[in-house]
Amino acid sequence: MSVRRLPAEQPRVVLGVGGGIAAYKACELLRRLTESGHRVRVVPTDAALRFVGAATFEALSGQPVHTGVFSDVYEVPHVRIGQDAELVVVAPATADLMARLAHGRADDLLTATLLTARCPVLLAPAMHTEMWEHPATVDNAALLRSRGVVVLEPASGRLTGTDTGAGRMPEAAEIAGIATLLLERADALPRDLEGRHVLVSAGGTREPVDPVRFLGNRSSGKQGFALASLAVQRGARVTLVSGHTTGVAAPAGVRMVVVSTAEQLRAAMHSHAVDADVVVMAAAVADFRPNTVATSKIKKGADEPDTIALTRNADVLAELVEARRNGELSADQVIVGFAAETGDERGDVLHHARAKLARKGCDLLVVNAVGDGKAFEVDSNDGWLLASDGTELVLDHGSKALLASRVLDVVADLLPAAH
């Protein structure tokens, strides 16, 4: 995978808006894109403007809004907008809009823009479950993907009225993250994990001291959630075992298993690893827990302990590697670990990481240097990807989605051919 750096000027993004109730969510997506430094031109359909007015999009983008090809004809907008774009995002992408795009229609400004665009195109579908699962929509999505269009898997949840199910538009933060990734990558997201089960752990664990206090860490869960999100969008069935997180929502299309303590995470990972093709241990699991947990809040004063005795928690990653070695898990399973490291008097970050890879026995180890605002509680990341065969890949600084995509590129290459 090659990486394309964001240009120094504002990246030019077209935000297409289809005519569905989820059009109101496009306002939040527009805000996120503009506030992160993108120059956004909104191109809605006529139907979209029945849900959100042109004035709203113009105020948020600072750009004019038209739906037809006969406004500002001297600028040839039905050609120029698509030609000038570095990325086109359509959110929501309705079943009708996807059908028109799949069959080359150009009957409004948005579809004409999509036909002339030669940049990455990202569609965020939003429709009722029956429409998403209809053979016509399934075929249209497959056809668009075969042409290099990134068609996101929708979320499951509340739809129009009282209906629930698959077809809900992914959250704006997730769409914005993938949009940024497409500007960073020089190629589209491949569908190279179809038919695979990917198990990801994310977030931090909390080890209770009493009903109020706990031992924890600074993990936000953002990196693990980015891995889970991109695995879904690359076609995988994803189980996400999530500890405590900060500022992230459940990615679209994942099965969530929520845990709190290291022992709960350990049990969930062993349970779901049985049929997993890929296991990614991105969670920050506490190394120790208190020997005993007070049943009532520990008070200051005569009863407060001088020390709190600790017990070492199990090494979940090493246990999973051992289970594979013993034949309890598939020999073809790819196991990925994460290591947050600092240098010390005994060696630098890579010295400690190489030793950890040897101890753990996993196939890949993602290494992050932490401290000074790095890795934890931020939206960007960098580091190294160490492989058991001695290969070492530098993970240049970028979004956590970019780092996740580069890890999954290597994971996909390690998997045996699908049967």
Protein backbone atom coordinates (compact mmCIF):
# COMPACT_ATOMS: atom_id res chain seq x y z
CA MET A 1 0.00 0.00 0.00
CA SER A 2 1.27 3.45 -0.88
CA VAL A 3 0.44 6.55 1.11
CA ARG A 4 -0.65 9.88 -0.28
CA ARG A 5 0.03 12.89 1.91
CA LEU A 6 -2.71 15.45 2.39
CA PRO A 7 -1.94 18.52 0.28
CA ALA A 8 -0.80 21.70 2.01
CA GLU A 9 -3.93 23.54 0.82
CA GLN A 10 -7.43 22.55 1.86
CA PRO A 11 -8.38 19.20 0.27
CA ARG A 12 -11.34 19.67 -2.08
CA VAL A 13 -14.21 17.41 -1.06
CA VAL A 14 -17.65 17.06 -2.62
CA LEU A 15 -20.36 16.01 -0.18
CA GLY A 16 -23.30 14.51 -2.02
CA VAL A 17 -26.54 14.23 -0.05
CA GLY A 18 -29.27 11.80 -1.05
CA GLY A 19 -32.97 12.18 -0.34
CA GLY A 20 -33.46 10.16 2.83
CA ILE A 21 -34.30 11.04 6.41
CA ALA A 22 -30.61 10.56 7.30
CA ALA A 23 -29.88 13.73 5.29
CA TYR A 24 -29.92 15.65 8.56
CA LYS A 25 -26.81 13.70 9.65
CA ALA A 26 -24.96 15.14 6.66
CA CYS A 27 -24.85 18.46 8.54
CA GLU A 28 -22.71 16.90 11.30
CA LEU A 29 -20.49 15.24 8.69
CA LEU A 30 -20.11 18.56 6.88
CA ARG A 31 -19.13 20.27 10.13
CA ARG A 32 -16.51 17.62 10.89
CA LEU A 33 -15.01 17.84 7.40
CA THR A 34 -14.81 21.63 7.33
CA GLU A 35 -13.45 21.90 10.86
CA SER A 36 -10.69 19.41 10.05
CA GLY A 37 -9.47 21.58 7.19
CA HIS A 38 -11.36 20.37 4.11
CA ARG A 39 -12.95 22.67 1.53
CA VAL A 40 -16.38 21.12 1.03
CA ARG A 41 -18.89 21.70 -1.76
CA VAL A 42 -22.32 20.23 -0.97
CA VAL A 43 -24.25 18.78 -3.92
CA PRO A 44 -27.65 17.51 -2.76
CA THR A 45 -30.44 15.92 -4.75
CA ASP A 46 -33.78 17.72 -5.04
CA ALA A 47 -35.22 15.18 -2.62
CA ALA A 48 -32.47 15.90 -0.07
CA LEU A 49 -33.54 19.56 0.05
CA ARG A 50 -36.98 18.43 1.23
CA PHE A 51 -35.25 17.26 4.43
CA VAL A 52 -32.52 19.92 4.85
CA GLY A 53 -32.65 23.34 3.20
CA ALA A 54 -29.96 24.73 0.90
CA ALA A 55 -29.37 27.63 3.29
CA THR A 56 -28.17 25.21 5.99
CA PHE A 57 -25.63 23.57 3.70
CA GLU A 58 -24.47 26.93 2.36
CA ALA A 59 -24.01 28.36 5.84
CA LEU A 60 -22.01 25.36 7.04
CA SER A 61 -19.85 25.03 3.91
CA GLY A 62 -19.46 28.63 2.74
CA GLN A 63 -20.16 27.35 -0.79
CA PRO A 64 -23.18 27.71 -3.10
CA VAL A 65 -25.64 24.82 -3.29
CA HIS A 66 -27.37 23.71 -6.50
CA THR A 67 -29.07 20.51 -7.59
CA GLY A 68 -29.47 20.98 -11.34
CA VAL A 69 -27.04 21.40 -14.22
CA PHE A 70 -28.47 24.75 -15.43
CA SER A 71 -27.17 26.94 -12.59
CA ASP A 72 -23.94 28.85 -13.30
CA VAL A 73 -23.78 27.16 -16.70
CA TYR A 74 -20.74 29.21 -17.76
CA GLU A 75 -18.70 27.29 -15.15
CA VAL A 76 -19.87 23.92 -16.58
CA PRO A 77 -20.53 22.65 -13.02
CA HIS A 78 -21.75 19.19 -14.04
CA VAL A 79 -18.20 18.51 -15.26
CA ARG A 80 -16.01 20.90 -13.30
CA ILE A 81 -17.11 19.94 -9.77
CA GLY A 82 -16.23 16.28 -10.27
CA GLN A 83 -13.01 17.03 -12.13
CA ASP A 84 -11.72 19.30 -9.36
CA ALA A 85 -12.63 17.04 -6.44
CA GLU A 86 -10.02 15.07 -4.50
CA LEU A 87 -12.74 13.03 -2.79
CA VAL A 88 -16.48 12.57 -3.21
CA VAL A 89 -18.51 11.44 -0.21
CA VAL A 90 -22.21 10.63 -0.57
CA ALA A 91 -24.09 10.50 2.73
CA PRO A 92 -26.77 9.32 2.80
CA ALA A 93 -26.57 7.18 -0.31
CA THR A 94 -30.14 6.01 -0.88
CA ALA A 95 -31.13 2.88 -2.80
CA ASP A 96 -32.33 5.06 -5.68
CA LEU A 97 -29.10 7.06 -5.82
CA MET A 98 -26.95 3.91 -5.74
CA ALA A 99 -29.04 2.43 -8.58
CA ARG A 100 -28.65 5.57 -10.69
CA LEU A 101 -24.89 5.65 -10.10
CA ALA A 102 -24.49 1.93 -10.84
CA HIS A 103 -26.24 2.35 -14.19
CA GLY A 104 -24.50 5.53 -15.26
CA ARG A 105 -27.41 7.94 -14.97
CA ALA A 106 -26.59 11.66 -15.08
CA ASP A 107 -29.99 13.26 -14.57
CA ASP A 108 -28.99 15.78 -11.89
CA LEU A 109 -25.88 17.62 -10.73
CA LEU A 110 -24.86 14.96 -8.20
CA THR A 111 -24.97 11.98 -10.58
CA ALA A 112 -23.22 14.02 -13.29
CA THR A 113 -20.53 14.93 -10.73
CA LEU A 114 -20.09 11.27 -9.81
CA LEU A 115 -19.64 10.30 -13.46
CA THR A 116 -16.91 12.89 -14.02
CA ALA A 117 -15.05 12.31 -10.74
CA ARG A 118 -11.72 10.48 -11.07
CA CYS A 119 -10.93 10.63 -7.36
CA PRO A 120 -11.90 8.21 -4.57
CA VAL A 121 -15.68 7.92 -4.09
CA LEU A 122 -17.17 6.95 -0.72
CA LEU A 123 -20.84 6.00 -0.31
CA ALA A 124 -22.54 5.77 3.10
CA PRO A 125 -25.78 3.85 2.47
CA ALA A 126 -28.93 4.62 4.45
CA MET A 127 -32.23 2.86 3.80
CA HIS A 128 -34.64 0.36 5.31
CA THR A 129 -33.35 -3.17 5.86
CA GLU A 130 -35.57 -4.66 3.15
CA MET A 131 -34.17 -2.18 0.62
CA TRP A 132 -30.55 -2.80 1.64
CA GLU A 133 -31.01 -6.57 1.43
CA HIS A 134 -32.98 -6.54 -1.85
CA PRO A 135 -31.10 -8.39 -4.61
CA ALA A 136 -31.10 -5.27 -6.79
CA THR A 137 -29.33 -3.20 -4.10
CA VAL A 138 -26.97 -6.06 -3.29
CA ASP A 139 -26.01 -6.29 -6.97
CA ASN A 140 -25.65 -2.52 -7.30
CA ALA A 141 -23.35 -2.37 -4.27
CA ALA A 142 -21.22 -5.21 -5.65
CA LEU A 143 -21.04 -3.55 -9.08
CA LEU A 144 -19.98 -0.22 -7.59
CA ARG A 145 -17.34 -1.91 -5.44
CA SER A 146 -15.98 -3.72 -8.49
CA ARG A 147 -15.42 -0.28 -10.04
CA GLY A 148 -13.44 0.91 -7.03
CA VAL A 149 -16.19 2.79 -5.21
CA VAL A 150 -16.02 2.37 -1.42
CA VAL A 151 -19.51 1.37 -0.31
CA LEU A 152 -19.66 1.30 3.46
CA GLU A 153 -21.51 -1.38 5.37
CA PRO A 154 -24.43 0.33 7.13
CA ALA A 155 -25.01 0.21 10.86
CA SER A 156 -27.87 -1.61 12.55
CA GLY A 157 -30.28 0.29 14.74
CA ARG A 158 -33.32 2.53 14.75
CA LEU A 159 -34.61 3.40 11.28
CA THR A 160 -37.58 5.54 10.22
CA GLY A 161 -40.57 5.15 12.51
CA THR A 162 -40.39 2.17 14.83
CA ASP A 163 -38.38 -0.07 12.51
CA THR A 164 -34.91 -1.32 13.47
CA GLY A 165 -32.32 -3.30 11.56
CA ALA A 166 -29.43 -3.01 9.13
CA GLY A 167 -29.52 0.07 6.93
CA ARG A 168 -28.81 2.89 9.37
CA MET A 169 -26.21 5.37 8.14
CA PRO A 170 -22.88 5.08 10.00
CA GLU A 171 -22.13 7.88 12.44
CA ALA A 172 -20.60 11.08 11.06
CA ALA A 173 -17.34 10.54 12.98
CA GLU A 174 -16.83 7.13 11.39
CA ILE A 175 -17.58 8.40 7.88
CA ALA A 176 -15.25 11.38 8.37
CA GLY A 177 -12.48 9.06 9.57
CA ILE A 178 -12.75 6.84 6.50
CA ALA A 179 -12.95 9.92 4.25
CA THR A 180 -9.68 11.19 5.72
CA LEU A 181 -8.15 7.75 5.22
CA LEU A 182 -9.05 7.77 1.52
CA LEU A 183 -7.24 11.09 1.16
CA GLU A 184 -4.20 9.62 2.94
CA ARG A 185 -4.10 6.37 0.97
CA ALA A 186 -3.21 6.32 -2.70
CA ASP A 187 -5.66 3.48 -3.37
CA ALA A 188 -9.20 2.49 -2.40
CA LEU A 189 -10.01 0.11 0.42
CA PRO A 190 -9.89 -3.47 -0.87
CA ARG A 191 -12.57 -6.04 -0.04
CA ASP A 192 -9.90 -8.58 0.89
CA LEU A 193 -11.40 -9.86 4.16
CA GLU A 194 -14.71 -11.16 2.84
CA GLY A 195 -15.68 -14.45 4.48
CA ARG A 196 -13.24 -13.90 7.37
CA HIS A 197 -14.01 -13.52 11.07
CA VAL A 198 -11.87 -10.82 12.71
CA LEU A 199 -11.79 -10.57 16.51
CA VAL A 200 -10.58 -7.26 17.94
CA SER A 201 -10.11 -6.13 21.53
CA ALA A 202 -10.06 -2.41 22.32
CA GLY A 203 -10.12 0.07 25.17
CA GLY A 204 -8.82 -0.20 28.70
CA THR A 205 -9.73 -2.52 31.55
CA ARG A 206 -10.60 -1.41 35.07
CA GLU A 207 -9.66 -3.43 38.15
CA PRO A 208 -11.88 -2.46 41.11
CA VAL A 209 -10.34 -1.50 44.44
CA ASP A 210 -13.68 -0.77 46.09
CA PRO A 211 -17.15 0.26 44.80
CA VAL A 212 -15.76 3.70 43.85
CA ARG A 213 -12.10 3.31 42.87
CA PHE A 214 -10.28 1.23 40.28
CA LEU A 215 -6.88 0.68 38.71
CA GLY A 216 -6.99 1.67 35.05
CA ASN A 217 -5.09 3.21 32.17
CA ARG A 218 -5.37 5.97 29.58
CA SER A 219 -6.52 3.92 26.60
CA SER A 220 -9.35 5.61 24.67
CA GLY A 221 -10.10 2.60 22.44
CA LYS A 222 -9.78 4.70 19.28
CA GLN A 223 -7.13 2.53 17.63
CA GLY A 224 -8.97 -0.73 18.27
CA PHE A 225 -12.25 0.77 17.07
CA ALA A 226 -10.52 1.99 13.89
CA LEU A 227 -9.26 -1.54 13.24
CA ALA A 228 -12.72 -3.02 13.79
CA SER A 229 -14.37 -0.40 11.56
CA LEU A 230 -11.98 -0.95 8.67
CA ALA A 231 -12.14 -4.74 8.96
CA VAL A 232 -15.92 -4.49 8.48
CA GLN A 233 -15.51 -2.21 5.49
CA ARG A 234 -13.01 -4.66 3.99
CA GLY A 235 -15.70 -7.35 4.14
CA ALA A 236 -15.02 -9.16 7.42
CA ARG A 237 -17.45 -10.33 10.08
CA VAL A 238 -16.12 -8.51 13.14
CA THR A 239 -16.48 -9.16 16.85
CA LEU A 240 -15.29 -6.23 18.97
CA VAL A 241 -14.52 -6.95 22.64
CA SER A 242 -14.54 -3.50 24.17
CA GLY A 243 -13.31 -2.38 27.53
CA HIS A 244 -13.72 1.21 28.71
CA THR A 245 -13.43 3.83 25.96
CA THR A 246 -13.48 7.60 25.58
CA GLY A 247 -15.00 9.61 22.74
CA VAL A 248 -15.77 6.74 20.36
CA ALA A 249 -19.02 5.19 19.18
CA ALA A 250 -19.55 1.57 18.18
CA PRO A 251 -18.43 1.11 14.55
CA ALA A 252 -21.07 0.18 12.01
CA GLY A 253 -21.55 -3.51 11.38
CA VAL A 254 -19.63 -4.97 14.34
CA ARG A 255 -20.82 -7.34 17.03
CA MET A 256 -20.02 -5.62 20.33
CA VAL A 257 -19.08 -7.48 23.51
CA VAL A 258 -18.66 -5.03 26.39
CA VAL A 259 -16.36 -5.98 29.29
CA SER A 260 -14.83 -4.20 32.25
CA THR A 261 -12.05 -6.20 33.93
CA ALA A 262 -9.07 -8.07 32.53
CA GLU A 263 -10.61 -11.40 33.52
CA GLN A 264 -13.83 -10.56 31.65
CA LEU A 265 -11.84 -9.58 28.58
CA ARG A 266 -9.80 -12.77 28.83
CA ALA A 267 -12.93 -14.94 28.91
CA ALA A 268 -14.50 -13.12 25.95
CA MET A 269 -11.37 -13.35 23.82
CA HIS A 270 -10.92 -17.08 24.43
CA SER A 271 -14.59 -17.69 23.68
CA HIS A 272 -14.72 -15.78 20.39
CA ALA A 273 -11.24 -16.74 19.15
CA VAL A 274 -12.37 -20.33 18.49
CA ASP A 275 -13.66 -19.55 14.98
CA ALA A 276 -11.69 -16.37 14.28
CA ASP A 277 -9.38 -16.08 11.29
CA VAL A 278 -7.68 -13.02 12.77
CA VAL A 279 -7.21 -11.97 16.40
CA VAL A 280 -6.10 -8.40 17.16
CA MET A 281 -5.25 -7.62 20.79
CA ALA A 282 -5.40 -3.82 20.73
CA ALA A 283 -6.87 -3.45 24.23
CA ALA A 284 -4.77 -2.03 27.05
CA VAL A 285 -5.18 -4.86 29.56
CA ALA A 286 -4.22 -4.17 33.18
CA ASP A 287 -1.15 -6.14 34.22
CA PHE A 288 -2.28 -6.32 37.88
CA ARG A 289 -5.44 -6.36 39.97
CA PRO A 290 -5.97 -5.97 43.72
CA ASN A 291 -5.83 -9.20 45.71
CA THR A 292 -9.09 -8.30 47.40
CA VAL A 293 -11.86 -5.86 46.54
CA ALA A 294 -13.40 -3.91 49.41
CA THR A 295 -17.17 -4.29 49.57
CA SER A 296 -17.60 -0.71 50.80
CA LYS A 297 -15.74 2.49 50.03
CA ILE A 298 -12.35 2.67 51.75
CA LYS A 299 -12.46 5.69 54.07
CA LYS A 300 -9.62 8.00 54.97
CA GLY A 301 -8.41 7.61 58.50
CA ALA A 302 -7.65 4.70 60.78
CA ASP A 303 -9.02 2.02 58.43
CA GLU A 304 -7.20 3.04 55.27
CA PRO A 305 -4.56 0.48 54.16
CA ASP A 306 -0.88 1.34 53.99
CA THR A 307 -0.57 -0.70 50.79
CA ILE A 308 -2.78 -2.52 48.31
CA ALA A 309 -1.53 -6.02 47.47
CA LEU A 310 -1.68 -6.85 43.77
CA THR A 311 -2.02 -10.06 41.75
CA ARG A 312 -0.69 -10.40 38.21
CA ASN A 313 -3.37 -10.78 35.54
CA ALA A 314 -3.07 -13.44 32.87
CA ASP A 315 -1.26 -12.55 29.64
CA VAL A 316 -4.18 -12.94 27.22
CA LEU A 317 -2.10 -12.53 24.06
CA ALA A 318 0.44 -15.16 25.13
CA GLU A 319 -2.41 -17.52 26.12
CA LEU A 320 -4.01 -17.19 22.67
CA VAL A 321 -0.69 -17.92 20.97
CA GLU A 322 -0.25 -20.98 23.22
CA ALA A 323 -3.80 -22.14 22.43
CA ARG A 324 -2.98 -21.98 18.71
CA ARG A 325 0.25 -23.89 19.29
CA ASN A 326 -1.67 -26.59 21.19
CA GLY A 327 -4.23 -27.00 18.41
CA GLU A 328 -7.11 -25.38 20.30
CA LEU A 329 -7.22 -22.63 17.66
CA SER A 330 -6.65 -22.87 13.92
CA ALA A 331 -3.02 -23.10 12.87
CA ASP A 332 -3.84 -20.62 10.09
CA GLN A 333 -5.10 -17.98 12.50
CA VAL A 334 -3.21 -14.66 12.35
CA ILE A 335 -2.56 -13.14 15.79
CA VAL A 336 -1.66 -9.47 16.18
CA GLY A 337 -0.49 -7.83 19.39
CA PHE A 338 -0.04 -4.21 20.42
CA ALA A 339 2.71 -2.81 22.60
CA ALA A 340 2.87 0.68 24.09
CA GLU A 341 6.53 1.19 24.94
CA THR A 342 8.98 3.72 26.33
CA GLY A 343 12.75 3.58 26.27
CA ASP A 344 14.85 3.32 29.44
CA GLU A 345 18.43 2.71 30.54
CA ARG A 346 18.25 -0.87 29.22
CA GLY A 347 17.28 0.04 25.67
CA ASP A 348 15.08 2.06 23.32
CA VAL A 349 11.49 1.40 22.29
CA LEU A 350 12.41 -1.01 19.49
CA HIS A 351 14.77 -2.98 21.74
CA HIS A 352 11.95 -3.65 24.20
CA ALA A 353 9.45 -4.31 21.39
CA ARG A 354 11.63 -6.94 19.72
CA ALA A 355 12.05 -8.72 23.03
CA LYS A 356 8.29 -8.60 23.61
CA LEU A 357 7.56 -10.06 20.17
CA ALA A 358 9.90 -12.96 20.93
CA ARG A 359 8.22 -13.56 24.31
CA LYS A 360 4.65 -13.33 23.04
CA GLY A 361 5.11 -15.43 19.91
CA CYS A 362 2.45 -13.58 17.89
CA ASP A 363 2.68 -13.09 14.13
CA LEU A 364 2.67 -9.30 14.20
CA LEU A 365 3.32 -6.72 16.90
CA VAL A 366 2.26 -3.09 16.49
CA VAL A 367 4.59 -0.91 18.54
CA ASN A 368 3.75 2.62 19.67
CA ALA A 369 6.10 4.95 21.51
CA VAL A 370 3.98 6.56 24.23
CA GLY A 371 4.29 9.75 26.27
CA ASP A 372 4.25 13.45 25.34
CA GLY A 373 0.77 13.24 23.84
CA LYS A 374 1.50 10.17 21.72
CA ALA A 375 -0.75 7.16 21.07
CA PHE A 376 -3.16 7.51 24.00
CA GLU A 377 -6.24 9.78 23.87
CA VAL A 378 -5.36 11.33 20.49
CA ASP A 379 -6.65 10.82 16.93
CA SER A 380 -3.29 10.13 15.28
CA ASN A 381 -0.67 7.45 15.69
CA ASP A 382 2.60 6.08 14.37
CA GLY A 383 5.13 3.40 15.25
CA TRP A 384 6.42 0.13 13.82
CA LEU A 385 4.95 -3.16 12.70
CA LEU A 386 7.22 -6.04 13.68
CA ALA A 387 6.69 -9.48 12.14
CA SER A 388 7.76 -12.85 13.48
CA ASP A 389 9.87 -13.41 10.36
CA GLY A 390 12.06 -10.43 11.27
CA THR A 391 10.41 -7.94 8.93
CA GLU A 392 10.00 -4.44 10.36
CA LEU A 393 7.75 -1.82 8.79
CA VAL A 394 7.75 1.84 9.81
CA LEU A 395 4.20 3.14 10.36
CA ASP A 396 4.44 6.82 9.47
CA HIS A 397 2.46 9.40 11.40
CA GLY A 398 -1.16 9.75 10.32
CA SER A 399 -4.70 9.06 11.41
CA LYS A 400 -5.44 5.97 13.48
CA ALA A 401 -7.50 4.76 10.52
CA LEU A 402 -4.39 4.95 8.33
CA LEU A 403 -2.36 2.91 10.80
CA ALA A 404 -5.21 0.39 11.05
CA SER A 405 -5.38 0.08 7.27
CA ARG A 406 -1.66 -0.59 6.97
CA VAL A 407 -1.84 -3.30 9.64
CA LEU A 408 -4.78 -4.93 7.86
CA ASP A 409 -2.90 -4.81 4.56
CA VAL A 410 -0.21 -7.03 6.08
CA VAL A 411 -2.76 -9.25 7.86
CA ALA A 412 -4.59 -9.89 4.59
CA ASP A 413 -1.34 -10.98 2.93
CA LEU A 414 -0.66 -13.47 5.77
CA LEU A 415 -4.04 -15.19 5.53
CA PRO A 416 -4.24 -18.39 3.49
CA ALA A 417 -6.36 -18.30 0.35
CA ALA A 418 -10.08 -18.50 1.10
CA HIS A 419 -11.69 -21.84 0.33
